[in-house]
Amino acid sequence: MPMILYSFLEQYDLSGKTIVPFITSGASGFSGTIGTMQELQPGANVVENGYSITRNRMEEAPAGVAAWLKELGYLN
């Protein structure tokens, strides 16, 4: 996880909020990021089914994000 996210999550209390993780990556995926977010924000609801797409599959992102948000109940 980038240091800027560590700093943000350490400085702000997101208790009662929902964190919906999504990333683009070269290959590494989440690599424990969701667990780290849960540790840094124990009072927040961190969605464990985050969306990850690699840079080589960006053309799939619009449909993939829409399907993922629908699955989570954020889109009809």
PDB file of N, CA and C in Angstrom:
ATOM      1  N   MET A   1       0.858  -1.168   0.000  1.00  0.00           N
ATOM      2  CA  MET A   1       0.000   0.000   0.000  1.00  0.00           C
ATOM      3  C   MET A   1       0.902   1.228   0.000  1.00  0.00           C
ATOM      4  N   PRO A   2       0.594   2.230  -0.805  1.00  0.00           N
ATOM      5  CA  PRO A   2       1.410   3.439  -0.844  1.00  0.00           C
ATOM      6  C   PRO A   2       1.430   4.154   0.517  1.00  0.00           C
ATOM      7  N   MET A   3       2.554   4.767   0.820  1.00  0.00           N
ATOM      8  CA  MET A   3       2.714   5.460   2.105  1.00  0.00           C
ATOM      9  C   MET A   3       1.652   6.532   2.331  1.00  0.00           C
ATOM     10  N   ILE A   4       1.208   7.191   1.283  1.00  0.00           N
ATOM     11  CA  ILE A   4       0.199   8.229   1.448  1.00  0.00           C
ATOM     12  C   ILE A   4      -1.091   7.639   2.035  1.00  0.00           C
ATOM     13  N   LEU A   5      -1.416   6.401   1.677  1.00  0.00           N
ATOM     14  CA  LEU A   5      -2.604   5.764   2.250  1.00  0.00           C
ATOM     15  C   LEU A   5      -2.391   5.406   3.712  1.00  0.00           C
ATOM     16  N   TYR A   6      -1.183   4.941   4.060  1.00  0.00           N
ATOM     17  CA  TYR A   6      -0.883   4.701   5.476  1.00  0.00           C
ATOM     18  C   TYR A   6      -1.089   5.989   6.268  1.00  0.00           C
ATOM     19  N   SER A   7      -0.520   7.083   5.772  1.00  0.00           N
ATOM     20  CA  SER A   7      -0.641   8.370   6.470  1.00  0.00           C
ATOM     21  C   SER A   7      -2.098   8.777   6.622  1.00  0.00           C
ATOM     22  N   PHE A   8      -2.871   8.665   5.549  1.00  0.00           N
ATOM     23  CA  PHE A   8      -4.284   9.033   5.597  1.00  0.00           C
ATOM     24  C   PHE A   8      -5.038   8.185   6.614  1.00  0.00           C
ATOM     25  N   LEU A   9      -4.846   6.873   6.546  1.00  0.00           N
ATOM     26  CA  LEU A   9      -5.583   5.969   7.439  1.00  0.00           C
ATOM     27  C   LEU A   9      -5.147   6.096   8.897  1.00  0.00           C
ATOM     28  N   GLU A  10      -3.912   6.529   9.128  1.00  0.00           N
ATOM     29  CA  GLU A  10      -3.436   6.743  10.495  1.00  0.00           C
ATOM     30  C   GLU A  10      -3.925   8.077  11.058  1.00  0.00           C
ATOM     31  N   GLN A  11      -4.176   9.067  10.210  1.00  0.00           N
ATOM     32  CA  GLN A  11      -4.567  10.404  10.667  1.00  0.00           C
ATOM     33  C   GLN A  11      -6.061  10.583  10.860  1.00  0.00           C
ATOM     34  N   TYR A  12      -6.872   9.836  10.131  1.00  0.00           N
ATOM     35  CA  TYR A  12      -8.315  10.053  10.161  1.00  0.00           C
ATOM     36  C   TYR A  12      -9.040   8.852  10.740  1.00  0.00           C
ATOM     37  N   ASP A  13     -10.060   9.122  11.520  1.00  0.00           N
ATOM     38  CA  ASP A  13     -10.902   8.079  12.093  1.00  0.00           C
ATOM     39  C   ASP A  13     -12.107   7.882  11.189  1.00  0.00           C
ATOM     40  N   LEU A  14     -12.163   6.740  10.553  1.00  0.00           N
ATOM     41  CA  LEU A  14     -13.261   6.441   9.637  1.00  0.00           C
ATOM     42  C   LEU A  14     -14.279   5.490  10.271  1.00  0.00           C
ATOM     43  N   SER A  15     -14.328   5.490  11.592  1.00  0.00           N
ATOM     44  CA  SER A  15     -15.290   4.637  12.292  1.00  0.00           C
ATOM     45  C   SER A  15     -16.701   4.908  11.789  1.00  0.00           C
ATOM     46  N   GLY A  16     -17.434   3.839  11.546  1.00  0.00           N
ATOM     47  CA  GLY A  16     -18.795   3.960  11.064  1.00  0.00           C
ATOM     48  C   GLY A  16     -18.901   4.169   9.561  1.00  0.00           C
ATOM     49  N   LYS A  17     -17.773   4.349   8.903  1.00  0.00           N
ATOM     50  CA  LYS A  17     -17.762   4.546   7.448  1.00  0.00           C
ATOM     51  C   LYS A  17     -17.474   3.219   6.756  1.00  0.00           C
ATOM     52  N   THR A  18     -17.771   3.167   5.473  1.00  0.00           N
ATOM     53  CA  THR A  18     -17.456   1.999   4.658  1.00  0.00           C
ATOM     54  C   THR A  18     -16.326   2.351   3.705  1.00  0.00           C
ATOM     55  N   ILE A  19     -15.292   1.538   3.724  1.00  0.00           N
ATOM     56  CA  ILE A  19     -14.152   1.710   2.822  1.00  0.00           C
ATOM     57  C   ILE A  19     -14.290   0.648   1.731  1.00  0.00           C
ATOM     58  N   VAL A  20     -14.339   1.094   0.477  1.00  0.00           N
ATOM     59  CA  VAL A  20     -14.515   0.193  -0.661  1.00  0.00           C
ATOM     60  C   VAL A  20     -13.213   0.217  -1.472  1.00  0.00           C
ATOM     61  N   PRO A  21     -12.304  -0.740  -1.227  1.00  0.00           N
ATOM     62  CA  PRO A  21     -11.000  -0.714  -1.882  1.00  0.00           C
ATOM     63  C   PRO A  21     -11.053  -1.128  -3.354  1.00  0.00           C
ATOM     64  N   PHE A  22     -10.310  -0.402  -4.164  1.00  0.00           N
ATOM     65  CA  PHE A  22     -10.126  -0.773  -5.569  1.00  0.00           C
ATOM     66  C   PHE A  22      -8.728  -0.342  -5.984  1.00  0.00           C
ATOM     67  N   ILE A  23      -8.132  -1.115  -6.886  1.00  0.00           N
ATOM     68  CA  ILE A  23      -6.770  -0.803  -7.306  1.00  0.00           C
ATOM     69  C   ILE A  23      -6.550  -1.131  -8.776  1.00  0.00           C
ATOM     70  N   THR A  24      -5.565  -0.475  -9.344  1.00  0.00           N
ATOM     71  CA  THR A  24      -4.954  -0.902 -10.589  1.00  0.00           C
ATOM     72  C   THR A  24      -3.524  -1.249 -10.213  1.00  0.00           C
ATOM     73  N   SER A  25      -2.988  -2.272 -10.848  1.00  0.00           N
ATOM     74  CA  SER A  25      -1.636  -2.664 -10.470  1.00  0.00           C
ATOM     75  C   SER A  25      -0.894  -3.241 -11.663  1.00  0.00           C
ATOM     76  N   GLY A  26       0.406  -3.379 -11.471  1.00  0.00           N
ATOM     77  CA  GLY A  26       1.227  -4.009 -12.482  1.00  0.00           C
ATOM     78  C   GLY A  26       1.131  -5.519 -12.393  1.00  0.00           C
ATOM     79  N   ALA A  27       0.996  -6.038 -11.176  1.00  0.00           N
ATOM     80  CA  ALA A  27       0.887  -7.494 -11.011  1.00  0.00           C
ATOM     81  C   ALA A  27       0.584  -7.916  -9.584  1.00  0.00           C
ATOM     82  N   SER A  28       0.869  -7.075  -8.611  1.00  0.00           N
ATOM     83  CA  SER A  28       0.846  -7.516  -7.216  1.00  0.00           C
ATOM     84  C   SER A  28      -0.534  -7.659  -6.589  1.00  0.00           C
ATOM     85  N   GLY A  29      -1.558  -7.059  -7.154  1.00  0.00           N
ATOM     86  CA  GLY A  29      -2.879  -7.131  -6.540  1.00  0.00           C
ATOM     87  C   GLY A  29      -2.898  -6.430  -5.195  1.00  0.00           C
ATOM     88  N   PHE A  30      -3.767  -6.885  -4.319  1.00  0.00           N
ATOM     89  CA  PHE A  30      -3.920  -6.221  -3.015  1.00  0.00           C
ATOM     90  C   PHE A  30      -2.785  -6.514  -2.041  1.00  0.00           C
ATOM     91  N   SER A  31      -2.144  -7.664  -2.148  1.00  0.00           N
ATOM     92  CA  SER A  31      -0.987  -8.006  -1.304  1.00  0.00           C
ATOM     93  C   SER A  31      -1.183  -7.663   0.170  1.00  0.00           C
ATOM     94  N   GLY A  32      -2.300  -8.021   0.755  1.00  0.00           N
ATOM     95  CA  GLY A  32      -2.534  -7.779   2.176  1.00  0.00           C
ATOM     96  C   GLY A  32      -3.079  -6.402   2.508  1.00  0.00           C
ATOM     97  N   THR A  33      -3.338  -5.582   1.511  1.00  0.00           N
ATOM     98  CA  THR A  33      -3.807  -4.217   1.739  1.00  0.00           C
ATOM     99  C   THR A  33      -5.119  -4.172   2.512  1.00  0.00           C
ATOM    100  N   ILE A  34      -6.048  -5.049   2.186  1.00  0.00           N
ATOM    101  CA  ILE A  34      -7.354  -5.018   2.848  1.00  0.00           C
ATOM    102  C   ILE A  34      -7.203  -5.316   4.338  1.00  0.00           C
ATOM    103  N   GLY A  35      -6.380  -6.296   4.678  1.00  0.00           N
ATOM    104  CA  GLY A  35      -6.121  -6.594   6.088  1.00  0.00           C
ATOM    105  C   GLY A  35      -5.468  -5.425   6.810  1.00  0.00           C
ATOM    106  N   THR A  36      -4.554  -4.757   6.136  1.00  0.00           N
ATOM    107  CA  THR A  36      -3.893  -3.586   6.726  1.00  0.00           C
ATOM    108  C   THR A  36      -4.899  -2.473   6.970  1.00  0.00           C
ATOM    109  N   MET A  37      -5.801  -2.255   6.015  1.00  0.00           N
ATOM    110  CA  MET A  37      -6.843  -1.241   6.199  1.00  0.00           C
ATOM    111  C   MET A  37      -7.716  -1.584   7.400  1.00  0.00           C
ATOM    112  N   GLN A  38      -8.056  -2.852   7.547  1.00  0.00           N
ATOM    113  CA  GLN A  38      -8.876  -3.283   8.686  1.00  0.00           C
ATOM    114  C   GLN A  38      -8.147  -3.052  10.004  1.00  0.00           C
ATOM    115  N   GLU A  39      -6.848  -3.277  10.024  1.00  0.00           N
ATOM    116  CA  GLU A  39      -6.056  -3.036  11.245  1.00  0.00           C
ATOM    117  C   GLU A  39      -5.978  -1.548  11.569  1.00  0.00           C
ATOM    118  N   LEU A  40      -5.771  -0.717  10.558  1.00  0.00           N
ATOM    119  CA  LEU A  40      -5.630   0.718  10.776  1.00  0.00           C
ATOM    120  C   LEU A  40      -6.961   1.410  11.053  1.00  0.00           C
ATOM    121  N   GLN A  41      -8.057   0.809  10.603  1.00  0.00           N
ATOM    122  CA  GLN A  41      -9.386   1.396  10.782  1.00  0.00           C
ATOM    123  C   GLN A  41     -10.344   0.346  11.362  1.00  0.00           C
ATOM    124  N   PRO A  42     -10.116  -0.074  12.612  1.00  0.00           N
ATOM    125  CA  PRO A  42     -10.936  -1.142  13.192  1.00  0.00           C
ATOM    126  C   PRO A  42     -12.414  -0.792  13.342  1.00  0.00           C
ATOM    127  N   GLY A  43     -12.754   0.477  13.373  1.00  0.00           N
ATOM    128  CA  GLY A  43     -14.148   0.885  13.516  1.00  0.00           C
ATOM    129  C   GLY A  43     -14.870   1.072  12.193  1.00  0.00           C
ATOM    130  N   ALA A  44     -14.151   0.886  11.100  1.00  0.00           N
ATOM    131  CA  ALA A  44     -14.746   1.052   9.770  1.00  0.00           C
ATOM    132  C   ALA A  44     -15.136  -0.305   9.203  1.00  0.00           C
ATOM    133  N   ASN A  45     -16.062  -0.277   8.269  1.00  0.00           N
ATOM    134  CA  ASN A  45     -16.432  -1.473   7.533  1.00  0.00           C
ATOM    135  C   ASN A  45     -15.596  -1.483   6.260  1.00  0.00           C
ATOM    136  N   VAL A  46     -14.595  -2.354   6.204  1.00  0.00           N
ATOM    137  CA  VAL A  46     -13.745  -2.454   5.023  1.00  0.00           C
ATOM    138  C   VAL A  46     -14.281  -3.599   4.160  1.00  0.00           C
ATOM    139  N   VAL A  47     -14.741  -3.275   2.971  1.00  0.00           N
ATOM    140  CA  VAL A  47     -15.264  -4.284   2.054  1.00  0.00           C
ATOM    141  C   VAL A  47     -14.116  -5.224   1.686  1.00  0.00           C
ATOM    142  N   GLU A  48     -14.294  -6.507   1.949  1.00  0.00           N
ATOM    143  CA  GLU A  48     -13.230  -7.472   1.696  1.00  0.00           C
ATOM    144  C   GLU A  48     -13.144  -7.891   0.238  1.00  0.00           C
ATOM    145  N   ASN A  49     -14.208  -7.681  -0.502  1.00  0.00           N
ATOM    146  CA  ASN A  49     -14.249  -8.034  -1.917  1.00  0.00           C
ATOM    147  C   ASN A  49     -13.882  -6.809  -2.750  1.00  0.00           C
ATOM    148  N   GLY A  50     -12.621  -6.384  -2.640  1.00  0.00           N
ATOM    149  CA  GLY A  50     -12.179  -5.218  -3.392  1.00  0.00           C
ATOM    150  C   GLY A  50     -12.015  -5.531  -4.867  1.00  0.00           C
ATOM    151  N   TYR A  51     -11.938  -4.488  -5.672  1.00  0.00           N
ATOM    152  CA  TYR A  51     -11.785  -4.657  -7.117  1.00  0.00           C
ATOM    153  C   TYR A  51     -10.341  -4.401  -7.505  1.00  0.00           C
ATOM    154  N   SER A  52      -9.774  -5.335  -8.230  1.00  0.00           N
ATOM    155  CA  SER A  52      -8.389  -5.224  -8.679  1.00  0.00           C
ATOM    156  C   SER A  52      -8.317  -5.513 -10.171  1.00  0.00           C
ATOM    157  N   ILE A  53      -7.611  -4.675 -10.886  1.00  0.00           N
ATOM    158  CA  ILE A  53      -7.403  -4.908 -12.311  1.00  0.00           C
ATOM    159  C   ILE A  53      -5.966  -4.539 -12.655  1.00  0.00           C
ATOM    160  N   THR A  54      -5.359  -5.332 -13.530  1.00  0.00           N
ATOM    161  CA  THR A  54      -3.980  -5.046 -13.925  1.00  0.00           C
ATOM    162  C   THR A  54      -3.956  -4.068 -15.081  1.00  0.00           C
ATOM    163  N   ARG A  55      -2.843  -3.433 -15.236  1.00  0.00           N
ATOM    164  CA  ARG A  55      -2.692  -2.410 -16.281  1.00  0.00           C
ATOM    165  C   ARG A  55      -2.898  -2.980 -17.683  1.00  0.00           C
ATOM    166  N   ASN A  56      -2.719  -4.280 -17.842  1.00  0.00           N
ATOM    167  CA  ASN A  56      -2.871  -4.907 -19.155  1.00  0.00           C
ATOM    168  C   ASN A  56      -4.324  -5.221 -19.495  1.00  0.00           C
ATOM    169  N   ARG A  57      -5.246  -4.993 -18.561  1.00  0.00           N
ATOM    170  CA  ARG A  57      -6.647  -5.325 -18.779  1.00  0.00           C
ATOM    171  C   ARG A  57      -7.558  -4.109 -18.589  1.00  0.00           C
ATOM    172  N   MET A  58      -7.030  -2.921 -18.753  1.00  0.00           N
ATOM    173  CA  MET A  58      -7.792  -1.710 -18.477  1.00  0.00           C
ATOM    174  C   MET A  58      -9.037  -1.568 -19.355  1.00  0.00           C
ATOM    175  N   GLU A  59      -9.027  -2.156 -20.545  1.00  0.00           N
ATOM    176  CA  GLU A  59     -10.210  -2.058 -21.401  1.00  0.00           C
ATOM    177  C   GLU A  59     -11.408  -2.757 -20.775  1.00  0.00           C
ATOM    178  N   GLU A  60     -11.166  -3.663 -19.834  1.00  0.00           N
ATOM    179  CA  GLU A  60     -12.237  -4.374 -19.138  1.00  0.00           C
ATOM    180  C   GLU A  60     -12.760  -3.606 -17.920  1.00  0.00           C
ATOM    181  N   ALA A  61     -12.087  -2.542 -17.543  1.00  0.00           N
ATOM    182  CA  ALA A  61     -12.414  -1.827 -16.306  1.00  0.00           C
ATOM    183  C   ALA A  61     -13.843  -1.291 -16.246  1.00  0.00           C
ATOM    184  N   PRO A  62     -14.352  -0.594 -17.251  1.00  0.00           N
ATOM    185  CA  PRO A  62     -15.710  -0.045 -17.116  1.00  0.00           C
ATOM    186  C   PRO A  62     -16.763  -1.111 -16.807  1.00  0.00           C
ATOM    187  N   ALA A  63     -16.766  -2.192 -17.567  1.00  0.00           N
ATOM    188  CA  ALA A  63     -17.751  -3.256 -17.330  1.00  0.00           C
ATOM    189  C   ALA A  63     -17.464  -3.978 -16.019  1.00  0.00           C
ATOM    190  N   GLY A  64     -16.192  -4.184 -15.722  1.00  0.00           N
ATOM    191  CA  GLY A  64     -15.818  -4.875 -14.490  1.00  0.00           C
ATOM    192  C   GLY A  64     -16.198  -4.098 -13.242  1.00  0.00           C
ATOM    193  N   VAL A  65     -15.950  -2.808 -13.252  1.00  0.00           N
ATOM    194  CA  VAL A  65     -16.303  -1.964 -12.106  1.00  0.00           C
ATOM    195  C   VAL A  65     -17.817  -1.918 -11.936  1.00  0.00           C
ATOM    196  N   ALA A  66     -18.538  -1.784 -13.032  1.00  0.00           N
ATOM    197  CA  ALA A  66     -19.999  -1.742 -12.951  1.00  0.00           C
ATOM    198  C   ALA A  66     -20.552  -3.043 -12.367  1.00  0.00           C
ATOM    199  N   ALA A  67     -20.043  -4.186 -12.825  1.00  0.00           N
ATOM    200  CA  ALA A  67     -20.504  -5.486 -12.310  1.00  0.00           C
ATOM    201  C   ALA A  67     -20.168  -5.626 -10.834  1.00  0.00           C
ATOM    202  N   TRP A  68     -18.976  -5.182 -10.436  1.00  0.00           N
ATOM    203  CA  TRP A  68     -18.538  -5.271  -9.040  1.00  0.00           C
ATOM    204  C   TRP A  68     -19.415  -4.395  -8.141  1.00  0.00           C
ATOM    205  N   LEU A  69     -19.679  -3.165  -8.559  1.00  0.00           N
ATOM    206  CA  LEU A  69     -20.527  -2.278  -7.754  1.00  0.00           C
ATOM    207  C   LEU A  69     -21.956  -2.801  -7.657  1.00  0.00           C
ATOM    208  N   LYS A  70     -22.439  -3.428  -8.711  1.00  0.00           N
ATOM    209  CA  LYS A  70     -23.764  -4.039  -8.671  1.00  0.00           C
ATOM    210  C   LYS A  70     -23.773  -5.205  -7.688  1.00  0.00           C
ATOM    211  N   GLU A  71     -22.748  -6.019  -7.721  1.00  0.00           N
ATOM    212  CA  GLU A  71     -22.606  -7.152  -6.787  1.00  0.00           C
ATOM    213  C   GLU A  71     -22.610  -6.678  -5.334  1.00  0.00           C
ATOM    214  N   LEU A  72     -21.957  -5.537  -5.095  1.00  0.00           N
ATOM    215  CA  LEU A  72     -21.902  -4.985  -3.737  1.00  0.00           C
ATOM    216  C   LEU A  72     -23.189  -4.288  -3.320  1.00  0.00           C
ATOM    217  N   GLY A  73     -24.087  -4.067  -4.278  1.00  0.00           N
ATOM    218  CA  GLY A  73     -25.349  -3.403  -3.976  1.00  0.00           C
ATOM    219  C   GLY A  73     -25.321  -1.897  -4.119  1.00  0.00           C
ATOM    220  N   TYR A  74     -24.280  -1.359  -4.763  1.00  0.00           N
ATOM    221  CA  TYR A  74     -24.176   0.080  -4.946  1.00  0.00           C
ATOM    222  C   TYR A  74     -24.788   0.556  -6.261  1.00  0.00           C
ATOM    223  N   LEU A  75     -25.081  -0.374  -7.167  1.00  0.00           N
ATOM    224  CA  LEU A  75     -25.741  -0.053  -8.437  1.00  0.00           C
ATOM    225  C   LEU A  75     -26.927  -0.982  -8.615  1.00  0.00           C
ATOM    226  N   ASN A  76     -27.953  -0.502  -9.280  1.00  0.00           N
ATOM    227  CA  ASN A  76     -29.122  -1.340  -9.585  1.00  0.00           C
ATOM    228  C   ASN A  76     -28.881  -2.126 -10.854  1.00  0.00           C
TER     229      ASN A  76
END
